[in-house]
Protein backbone atom coordinates (compact mmCIF):
# COMPACT_ATOMS: atom_id res chain seq x y z
CA UNK A 1 91.64 84.42 115.12
CA UNK A 2 93.02 82.82 111.94
CA UNK A 3 95.41 84.61 109.60
CA UNK A 4 92.61 85.09 107.06
CA UNK A 5 90.25 86.57 109.65
CA UNK A 6 92.91 89.03 110.84
CA UNK A 7 93.70 90.00 107.23
CA UNK A 8 90.01 90.64 106.55
CA UNK A 9 89.87 92.92 109.58
CA UNK A 10 93.01 94.85 108.58
CA UNK A 11 91.70 95.47 105.06
CA UNK A 12 88.30 96.58 106.44
CA UNK A 13 89.88 99.49 108.33
CA UNK A 14 90.33 102.59 106.15
CA UNK A 15 93.88 103.96 106.50
CA UNK A 16 94.21 105.96 103.27
CA UNK A 17 95.82 109.47 103.42
CA UNK A 18 92.53 111.29 103.99
CA UNK A 19 91.65 108.94 106.84
CA UNK A 20 93.71 107.82 109.85
CA UNK A 21 95.77 104.90 111.13
CA UNK A 22 94.47 105.31 114.70
CA UNK A 23 91.75 102.63 114.51
CA UNK A 24 94.13 100.23 112.78
CA UNK A 25 96.88 100.79 115.35
CA UNK A 26 94.44 100.28 118.25
CA UNK A 27 93.46 96.90 116.78
CA UNK A 28 97.10 95.88 116.21
CA UNK A 29 98.00 96.91 119.76
CA UNK A 30 95.29 94.56 121.04
CA UNK A 31 96.67 91.71 118.93
CA UNK A 32 100.22 92.38 120.17
CA UNK A 33 99.19 92.42 123.83
CA UNK A 34 97.14 89.24 123.39
CA UNK A 35 100.30 87.61 122.02
CA UNK A 36 102.23 88.59 125.17
CA UNK A 37 104.13 91.46 123.55
CA UNK A 38 104.49 95.10 124.64
CA UNK A 39 102.83 97.72 122.43
CA UNK A 40 103.53 101.46 122.51
CA UNK A 41 101.30 103.81 120.53
CA UNK A 42 102.48 107.24 119.30
CA UNK A 43 99.81 109.76 118.31
CA UNK A 44 100.73 112.59 115.93
CA UNK A 45 98.73 115.18 113.97
CA UNK A 46 99.33 115.41 110.23
CA UNK A 47 97.37 117.83 108.04
CA UNK A 48 94.84 118.25 110.84
CA UNK A 49 94.21 114.49 111.17
CA UNK A 50 95.37 112.45 114.18
CA UNK A 51 97.58 109.56 113.05
CA UNK A 52 99.37 106.80 114.96
CA UNK A 53 102.55 104.73 114.94
CA UNK A 54 102.85 101.46 116.84
CA UNK A 55 106.04 100.04 118.38
CA UNK A 56 106.00 96.38 119.49
CA UNK A 57 108.73 94.81 121.61
CA UNK A 58 109.29 91.60 123.57
CA UNK A 59 108.89 91.69 127.39
CA UNK A 60 112.65 91.50 128.06
CA UNK A 61 113.41 94.78 126.24
CA UNK A 62 115.48 97.34 128.14
CA UNK A 63 116.07 101.00 127.30
CA UNK A 64 119.24 101.39 125.25
CA UNK A 65 119.22 97.84 123.83
CA UNK A 66 120.63 97.60 120.30
CA UNK A 67 117.84 96.47 118.00
CA UNK A 68 116.88 94.56 114.87
CA UNK A 69 114.10 96.60 113.24
CA UNK A 70 111.10 95.17 111.39
CA UNK A 71 109.10 98.01 109.84
CA UNK A 72 105.89 98.23 107.80
CA UNK A 73 103.83 101.27 106.83
CA UNK A 74 100.14 101.00 107.66
CA UNK A 75 98.65 103.62 105.35
CA UNK A 76 97.43 102.80 101.85
CA UNK A 77 96.87 104.82 98.70
CA UNK A 78 93.43 106.28 98.10
CA UNK A 79 91.21 103.55 96.58
CA UNK A 80 89.91 105.82 93.83
CA UNK A 81 86.64 104.93 92.11
CA UNK A 82 84.90 102.10 94.02
CA UNK A 83 83.23 101.03 90.75
CA UNK A 84 86.57 99.68 89.53
CA UNK A 85 86.92 97.22 92.46
CA UNK A 86 84.91 94.48 90.76
CA UNK A 87 86.63 91.59 92.59
CA UNK A 88 85.51 93.12 95.89
CA UNK A 89 81.91 93.76 94.84
CA UNK A 90 82.80 97.46 94.44
CA UNK A 91 84.08 97.84 98.03
CA UNK A 92 87.90 97.87 98.35
CA UNK A 93 87.59 97.48 102.15
CA UNK A 94 85.64 94.21 101.92
CA UNK A 95 88.30 91.50 101.48
CA UNK A 96 87.54 88.66 99.07
CA UNK A 97 89.23 85.24 99.13
CA UNK A 98 89.53 83.51 95.77
CA UNK A 99 91.86 80.74 94.60
CA UNK A 100 94.06 81.10 97.68
CA UNK A 101 94.44 84.88 97.20
CA UNK A 102 93.21 87.82 99.31
CA UNK A 103 91.87 90.77 97.31
CA UNK A 104 91.47 94.25 98.79
CA UNK A 105 93.12 97.63 99.38
CA UNK A 106 96.41 97.16 101.24
CA UNK A 107 96.55 93.40 100.73
CA UNK A 108 99.92 93.62 98.99
CA UNK A 109 101.00 97.24 99.65
CA UNK A 110 101.68 96.52 102.52
CA UNK A 111 99.23 96.44 105.38
CA UNK A 112 99.15 92.64 105.69
CA UNK A 113 102.94 92.51 105.97
CA UNK A 114 102.61 93.82 109.53
CA UNK A 115 100.69 90.75 110.71
CA UNK A 116 103.38 88.53 109.17
CA UNK A 117 106.02 90.31 111.23
CA UNK A 118 103.82 90.33 114.33
CA UNK A 119 103.21 86.57 114.11
CA UNK A 120 106.95 85.94 113.65
CA UNK A 121 107.80 88.09 116.67
CA UNK A 122 105.12 86.37 118.80
CA UNK A 123 106.63 82.96 118.03
CA UNK A 124 110.05 84.18 119.15
CA UNK A 125 109.06 86.21 122.23
CA UNK A 126 110.22 83.64 124.82
CA UNK A 127 113.65 83.10 123.25
CA UNK A 128 116.76 84.37 125.05
CA UNK A 129 117.93 87.30 122.92
CA UNK A 130 121.67 87.61 123.47
CA UNK A 131 122.53 89.78 120.47
CA UNK A 132 120.14 92.38 119.04
CA UNK A 133 116.62 92.79 120.41
CA UNK A 134 113.80 92.62 117.81
CA UNK A 135 111.46 95.60 117.50
CA UNK A 136 108.43 95.82 115.21
CA UNK A 137 107.18 99.19 114.01
CA UNK A 138 104.07 100.16 112.05
CA UNK A 139 104.15 103.73 110.72
CA UNK A 140 101.74 106.18 109.13
CA UNK A 141 102.32 108.55 106.24
CA UNK A 142 104.39 106.56 103.74
CA UNK A 143 102.14 107.89 100.99
CA UNK A 144 102.56 111.47 102.30
CA UNK A 145 106.28 111.91 102.86
CA UNK A 146 106.97 109.13 105.41
CA UNK A 147 105.99 111.39 108.27
CA UNK A 148 105.40 108.52 110.68
CA UNK A 149 108.91 107.17 110.24
CA UNK A 150 110.33 110.70 110.58
CA UNK A 151 108.51 111.19 113.89
CA UNK A 152 109.87 107.84 115.07
CA UNK A 153 113.42 108.94 114.31
CA UNK A 154 113.12 112.45 115.72
CA UNK A 155 111.84 111.11 119.03
CA UNK A 156 114.65 108.53 119.25
CA UNK A 157 112.23 105.64 119.55
CA UNK A 158 114.51 103.07 117.95
CA UNK A 159 118.18 102.07 118.23
CA UNK A 160 118.59 99.73 115.27
CA UNK A 161 121.61 98.26 113.54
CA UNK A 162 119.71 96.38 110.81
CA UNK A 163 116.23 96.79 109.35
CA UNK A 164 113.74 94.73 107.33
CA UNK A 165 111.44 97.19 105.54
CA UNK A 166 108.03 95.97 104.38
CA UNK A 167 107.71 96.30 100.60
CA UNK A 168 105.86 94.33 97.94
CA UNK A 169 108.70 92.31 96.39
CA UNK A 170 107.29 88.89 95.44
CA UNK A 171 109.40 87.38 98.25
CA UNK A 172 112.64 88.76 96.78
CA UNK A 173 115.28 90.92 98.50
CA UNK A 174 115.28 94.59 97.47
CA UNK A 175 118.69 96.10 98.20
CA UNK A 176 118.50 99.36 96.21
CA UNK A 177 115.88 102.01 95.50
CA UNK A 178 115.64 105.32 93.70
CA UNK A 179 115.38 108.59 95.56
CA UNK A 180 112.30 110.78 95.34
CA UNK A 181 111.75 114.52 95.05
CA UNK A 182 108.43 116.38 94.74
CA UNK A 183 108.85 119.52 92.64
CA UNK A 184 106.34 122.38 92.65
CA UNK A 185 106.39 125.41 90.32
CA UNK A 186 103.99 128.35 90.63
CA UNK A 187 103.97 130.63 87.58
CA UNK A 188 102.44 134.08 88.20
CA UNK A 189 99.70 135.40 85.94
CA UNK A 190 100.14 139.12 85.22
CA UNK A 191 97.53 141.61 86.43
CA UNK A 192 96.83 142.51 82.80
CA UNK A 193 96.13 138.88 81.94
CA UNK A 194 93.96 138.36 85.04
CA UNK A 195 91.94 141.48 84.19
CA UNK A 196 91.46 140.30 80.61
CA UNK A 197 90.20 136.87 81.70
CA UNK A 198 87.76 138.52 84.13
CA UNK A 199 86.43 140.88 81.47
CA UNK A 200 85.86 138.10 78.94
CA UNK A 201 83.61 136.30 81.42
CA UNK A 202 81.02 139.04 80.78
CA UNK A 203 81.31 138.81 77.00
CA UNK A 204 78.43 137.31 75.03
CA UNK A 205 80.74 135.24 72.82
CA UNK A 206 84.33 134.05 72.93
CA UNK A 207 86.90 132.83 70.46
CA UNK A 208 88.65 130.30 72.68
CA UNK A 209 89.85 126.88 71.58
CA UNK A 210 89.81 123.87 73.88
CA UNK A 211 91.86 120.72 73.45
CA UNK A 212 91.73 117.56 75.57
CA UNK A 213 94.64 115.14 75.91
CA UNK A 214 94.31 111.50 76.93
CA UNK A 215 96.97 109.14 78.27
CA UNK A 216 97.35 106.15 80.55
CA UNK A 217 97.75 106.37 84.32
CA UNK A 218 100.71 104.79 86.16
CA UNK A 219 102.78 105.39 89.26
CA UNK A 220 105.53 107.96 88.77
CA UNK A 221 108.16 105.36 89.76
CA UNK A 222 107.30 103.51 86.54
CA UNK A 223 106.51 106.29 84.05
CA UNK A 224 107.32 103.99 81.11
CA UNK A 225 104.18 101.99 81.96
CA UNK A 226 102.00 105.07 81.52
CA UNK A 227 101.35 107.76 78.94
CA UNK A 228 101.59 111.26 80.44
CA UNK A 229 98.66 113.42 79.29
CA UNK A 230 100.10 116.61 80.85
CA UNK A 231 103.41 116.22 79.03
CA UNK A 232 101.50 115.63 75.79
CA UNK A 233 99.72 118.93 76.43
CA UNK A 234 102.96 120.76 77.28
CA UNK A 235 104.56 119.46 74.06
CA UNK A 236 101.54 120.82 72.17
CA UNK A 237 101.78 124.22 73.88
CA UNK A 238 105.42 124.56 72.79
CA UNK A 239 104.13 124.88 69.22
CA UNK A 240 101.58 127.63 69.96
CA UNK A 241 102.08 131.30 68.88
CA UNK A 242 103.53 133.60 71.55
CA UNK A 243 100.39 135.75 71.74
CA UNK A 244 98.21 132.91 73.03
CA UNK A 245 96.65 133.35 76.48
CA UNK A 246 95.99 130.37 78.74
CA UNK A 247 92.35 130.74 79.78
CA UNK A 248 92.25 127.41 81.63
CA UNK A 249 94.63 124.50 82.07
CA UNK A 250 93.94 121.39 84.12
CA UNK A 251 95.33 117.89 84.47
CA UNK A 252 96.27 115.16 86.92
CA UNK A 253 95.30 114.56 90.52
CA UNK A 254 98.53 113.71 92.37
CA UNK A 255 102.17 114.77 92.14
CA UNK A 256 103.40 111.15 92.06
CA UNK A 257 101.01 109.71 89.47
CA UNK A 258 101.22 109.74 85.67
CA UNK A 259 98.03 111.61 84.64
CA UNK A 260 95.60 110.08 82.16
CA UNK A 261 93.77 113.33 81.33
CA UNK A 262 94.64 116.99 80.68
CA UNK A 263 92.90 119.90 79.00
CA UNK A 264 93.75 123.42 77.91
CA UNK A 265 91.63 126.37 76.80
CA UNK A 266 93.45 129.00 74.73
CA UNK A 267 92.67 132.35 73.12
CA UNK A 268 94.73 134.53 70.80
CA UNK A 269 95.14 138.02 72.34
CA UNK A 270 97.51 140.44 70.64
CA UNK A 271 97.68 143.24 73.24
CA UNK A 272 99.00 141.24 76.23
CA UNK A 273 102.77 141.24 76.49
CA UNK A 274 104.70 138.21 77.75
CA UNK A 275 101.63 136.06 78.56
CA UNK A 276 101.88 133.18 81.04
CA UNK A 277 102.13 130.66 78.22
CA UNK A 278 105.59 131.99 77.29
CA UNK A 279 106.78 131.51 80.89
CA UNK A 280 105.31 128.00 81.06
CA UNK A 281 106.98 127.04 77.79
CA UNK A 282 110.36 128.38 78.93
CA UNK A 283 110.18 126.44 82.20
CA UNK A 284 109.04 123.24 80.49
CA UNK A 285 111.92 123.57 78.02
CA UNK A 286 114.53 123.56 80.81
CA UNK A 287 112.76 120.61 82.46
CA UNK A 288 113.10 118.75 79.15
CA UNK A 289 116.82 119.59 79.12
CA UNK A 290 117.24 118.19 82.64
CA UNK A 291 115.32 115.08 81.59
CA UNK A 292 117.80 114.57 78.74
CA UNK A 293 120.70 114.93 81.21
CA UNK A 294 119.07 112.37 83.51
CA UNK A 295 119.09 109.77 80.75
CA UNK A 296 122.89 109.96 80.44
CA UNK A 297 123.49 108.32 83.85
CA UNK A 298 122.36 104.70 83.66
CA UNK A 299 122.01 101.79 86.10
CA UNK A 300 120.81 98.62 84.38
CA UNK A 301 119.55 97.17 87.68
CA UNK A 302 116.60 99.58 87.47
CA UNK A 303 113.64 99.85 85.13
CA UNK A 304 113.67 102.48 83.77
CA UNK A 305 117.47 102.47 83.92
CA UNK A 306 117.82 106.26 84.35
CA UNK A 307 116.53 108.99 86.66
CA UNK A 308 113.21 110.50 85.62
CA UNK A 309 111.07 113.62 85.91
CA UNK A 310 107.29 113.26 85.48
CA UNK A 311 104.57 115.91 85.45
CA UNK A 312 101.77 114.91 87.82
CA UNK A 313 99.46 117.89 88.17
CA UNK A 314 98.72 121.24 86.55
CA UNK A 315 96.05 123.75 87.64
CA UNK A 316 94.94 127.28 86.79
CA UNK A 317 94.51 129.31 89.97
CA UNK A 318 93.35 132.90 90.45
CA UNK A 319 96.76 134.53 89.98
CA UNK A 320 99.07 131.65 89.05
CA UNK A 321 99.46 128.31 87.37
CA UNK A 322 100.60 125.36 89.48
CA UNK A 323 102.80 122.75 87.79
CA UNK A 324 103.87 119.84 89.96
CA UNK A 325 105.68 116.59 89.43
CA UNK A 326 108.18 114.16 90.88
CA UNK A 327 111.76 113.09 90.23
CA UNK A 328 113.09 109.55 90.73
CA UNK A 329 116.83 109.62 91.32
CA UNK A 330 119.23 106.68 90.81
CA UNK A 331 121.62 105.67 93.63
CA UNK A 332 124.60 106.33 91.34
CA UNK A 333 123.61 110.01 91.00
CA UNK A 334 125.65 112.11 93.41
CA UNK A 335 124.01 114.67 95.67
CA UNK A 336 125.99 117.35 93.80
CA UNK A 337 124.57 116.25 90.43
CA UNK A 338 121.02 116.13 91.77
CA UNK A 339 121.39 119.67 93.17
CA UNK A 340 122.75 120.93 89.83
CA UNK A 341 119.65 119.62 88.06
CA UNK A 342 117.35 121.31 90.55
CA UNK A 343 119.29 124.60 90.44
CA UNK A 344 119.09 124.63 86.65
CA UNK A 345 115.28 124.50 86.81
CA UNK A 346 115.15 126.96 89.71
CA UNK A 347 117.24 129.53 87.83
CA UNK A 348 114.88 129.59 84.84
CA UNK A 349 111.86 129.75 87.15
CA UNK A 350 113.31 132.80 88.90
CA UNK A 351 114.00 134.44 85.52
CA UNK A 352 110.29 134.01 84.77
CA UNK A 353 109.26 135.35 88.17
CA UNK A 354 107.99 131.89 89.14
CA UNK A 355 108.31 130.17 92.50
CA UNK A 356 110.24 126.88 92.60
CA UNK A 357 110.01 124.54 95.59
CA UNK A 358 111.06 121.02 96.49
CA UNK A 359 108.36 120.01 98.96
CA UNK A 360 109.68 116.52 99.72
CA UNK A 361 113.00 114.77 99.17
CA UNK A 362 114.23 111.27 100.01
CA UNK A 363 117.70 110.15 98.98
CA UNK A 364 118.26 106.95 97.00
CA UNK A 365 119.85 104.01 98.79
CA UNK A 366 121.83 100.85 98.03
CA UNK A 367 122.98 98.15 100.45
CA UNK A 368 126.13 96.35 99.32
CA UNK A 369 125.59 92.81 98.01
CA UNK A 370 128.32 91.52 100.35
CA UNK A 371 126.67 92.80 103.56
CA UNK A 372 125.95 90.37 106.39
CA UNK A 373 122.26 91.32 106.23
CA UNK A 374 121.94 90.39 102.56
CA UNK A 375 124.08 87.25 102.78
CA UNK A 376 122.00 85.98 105.71
CA UNK A 377 118.72 86.74 103.96
CA UNK A 378 119.91 84.98 100.81
CA UNK A 379 120.94 81.91 102.77
CA UNK A 380 117.52 81.68 104.45
CA UNK A 381 115.66 82.11 101.15
CA UNK A 382 117.77 79.38 99.53
CA UNK A 383 116.87 76.98 102.35
CA UNK A 384 113.20 77.88 101.85
CA UNK A 385 113.48 77.14 98.12
CA UNK A 386 112.93 80.78 97.17
CA UNK A 387 114.84 83.06 94.77
CA UNK A 388 117.86 84.53 96.63
CA UNK A 389 118.95 87.18 94.14
CA UNK A 390 118.60 90.89 94.92
CA UNK A 391 116.40 93.22 92.90
CA UNK A 392 115.97 97.01 92.79
CA UNK A 393 112.97 99.23 93.48
CA UNK A 394 111.97 102.14 91.28
CA UNK A 395 109.94 103.81 94.05
CA UNK A 396 111.02 105.05 97.48
CA UNK A 397 110.20 103.88 100.99
CA UNK A 398 111.41 104.19 104.59
CA UNK A 399 114.73 102.49 103.78
CA UNK A 400 115.81 105.81 102.27
CA UNK A 401 115.34 107.44 105.67
CA UNK A 402 116.79 104.70 107.88
CA UNK A 403 119.95 104.23 105.81
CA UNK A 404 120.83 107.89 106.49
CA UNK A 405 121.04 106.87 110.16
CA UNK A 406 123.58 104.13 109.31
CA UNK A 407 120.93 101.43 109.68
CA UNK A 408 121.63 98.71 107.11
CA UNK A 409 118.37 97.98 105.26
CA UNK A 410 116.77 95.54 102.91
CA UNK A 411 113.15 95.50 101.74
CA UNK A 412 111.03 92.37 101.52
CA UNK A 413 107.41 91.30 101.34
CA UNK A 414 104.76 89.10 99.78
CA UNK A 415 102.84 90.00 96.64
CA UNK A 416 103.62 90.97 93.06
CA UNK A 417 104.20 94.66 92.29
CA UNK A 418 103.65 95.18 88.58
CA UNK A 419 100.01 95.26 87.54
CA UNK A 420 98.94 94.63 91.14
CA UNK A 421 99.76 97.34 93.70
CA UNK A 422 97.87 100.61 93.31
CA UNK A 423 95.26 98.85 91.14
CA UNK A 424 91.67 97.66 91.84
CA UNK A 425 92.96 94.09 91.38
CA UNK A 426 95.36 94.31 94.36
CA UNK A 427 95.86 90.90 95.95
CA UNK A 428 98.35 88.60 97.68
CA UNK A 429 98.61 84.81 97.99
CA UNK A 430 97.87 83.50 101.48
CA UNK A 431 100.72 80.99 101.16
CA UNK A 432 103.11 83.87 100.37
CA UNK A 433 102.08 85.62 103.59
CA UNK A 434 102.92 82.40 105.44
CA UNK A 435 106.29 82.19 103.67
CA UNK A 436 107.04 85.82 104.59
CA UNK A 437 106.23 85.02 108.23
CA UNK A 438 108.66 82.06 108.17
CA UNK A 439 111.36 84.26 106.61
CA UNK A 440 110.96 86.95 109.29
CA UNK A 441 111.07 84.35 112.04
CA UNK A 442 114.36 82.95 110.74
CA UNK A 443 115.85 86.42 110.30
CA UNK A 444 115.02 87.26 113.94
CA UNK A 445 116.61 83.99 115.00
CA UNK A 446 119.73 84.67 112.91
CA UNK A 447 120.35 88.22 114.21
CA UNK A 448 118.88 88.20 117.70
CA UNK A 449 119.79 84.81 119.24
């Protein structure tokens, strides 16, 4: 099959978080075996759904061999509203070829990167590897905490010294990325307040006020490109009288997305003491203070150039209000400083009787510009006539995990990020996929022969 035909097939297979990577991995295993490579499939259950990793090696691999890792995650984001995928005739899984570009979900982020690496490995399979042995890995769960990569590590499936991580980078080297923390706060609603809200449901008339807030959606790694509707609402609530009761509050869909919509329904009730709104305002105030502190530590290689906190979701539940968001942490922020920020928020939450949790955390990473991995990659890109300079990544990927195991990492891949990934216009140039394949082939040659 041609590259385009394989890419069409990969895009056609749904591997978003609510689906599974099993079908996709089975297809890739077939391709690997047809190319004369060895494929190992790992099945794991995540959130009640069976998922799969794939590990591809050359026939001469022996247990214990030191390896050169090529990794790509196989899951995609949820496609959202199909009606927005106009280029694909309203079906994000039906790839469209136009002007030398492939359009479809996962085209750039980063499903098609796997076939680039697989083709490079297939071309090199008969070479005598005297140094490191190449190993190609496709993992599940990048969009849900990198669970596939974690399973790979915990089961000691790889023994790598260097790693090339698949990431949409417009064929540039990414040598640094922000860390990522998912923060969840649950604010209890008093029994008195719950009882009042239940009683008012039977009333013939109410005196509530409802206000809707609109913004612009974006990924939480680039909050400056969006307009956070929840934070607009929280700013508004800071100005409300203390005797206001939150009847309903709702906004956002995901912890790591800037929400475009939020709404609140309020009612003035004089007899309820210390209503939930007061607790929410107190917690949001300390979050604002931490946000100010984050802006004091700057790294001009990143955009935005400081660490960030972004609200992503807020919900009224039966006996509590859920407020969730994500932090993006610069590599120059120490672990001690990060923990101080989190403890500051946690302390105020506990004072309000609220529950504070960090449900996911990945450290930031930076690979030194003078490393052998980067110097070699730059040399190859120069020979290919491509831009050799390093760039940074505002979001987080598996490099954060692998660098903690003393695996030196860089990220690389075809496709433009801004205004492309996580949008209904997602696409990649076919010629860039071919260039990525040539780059991977030369990197395997440089480190494995």
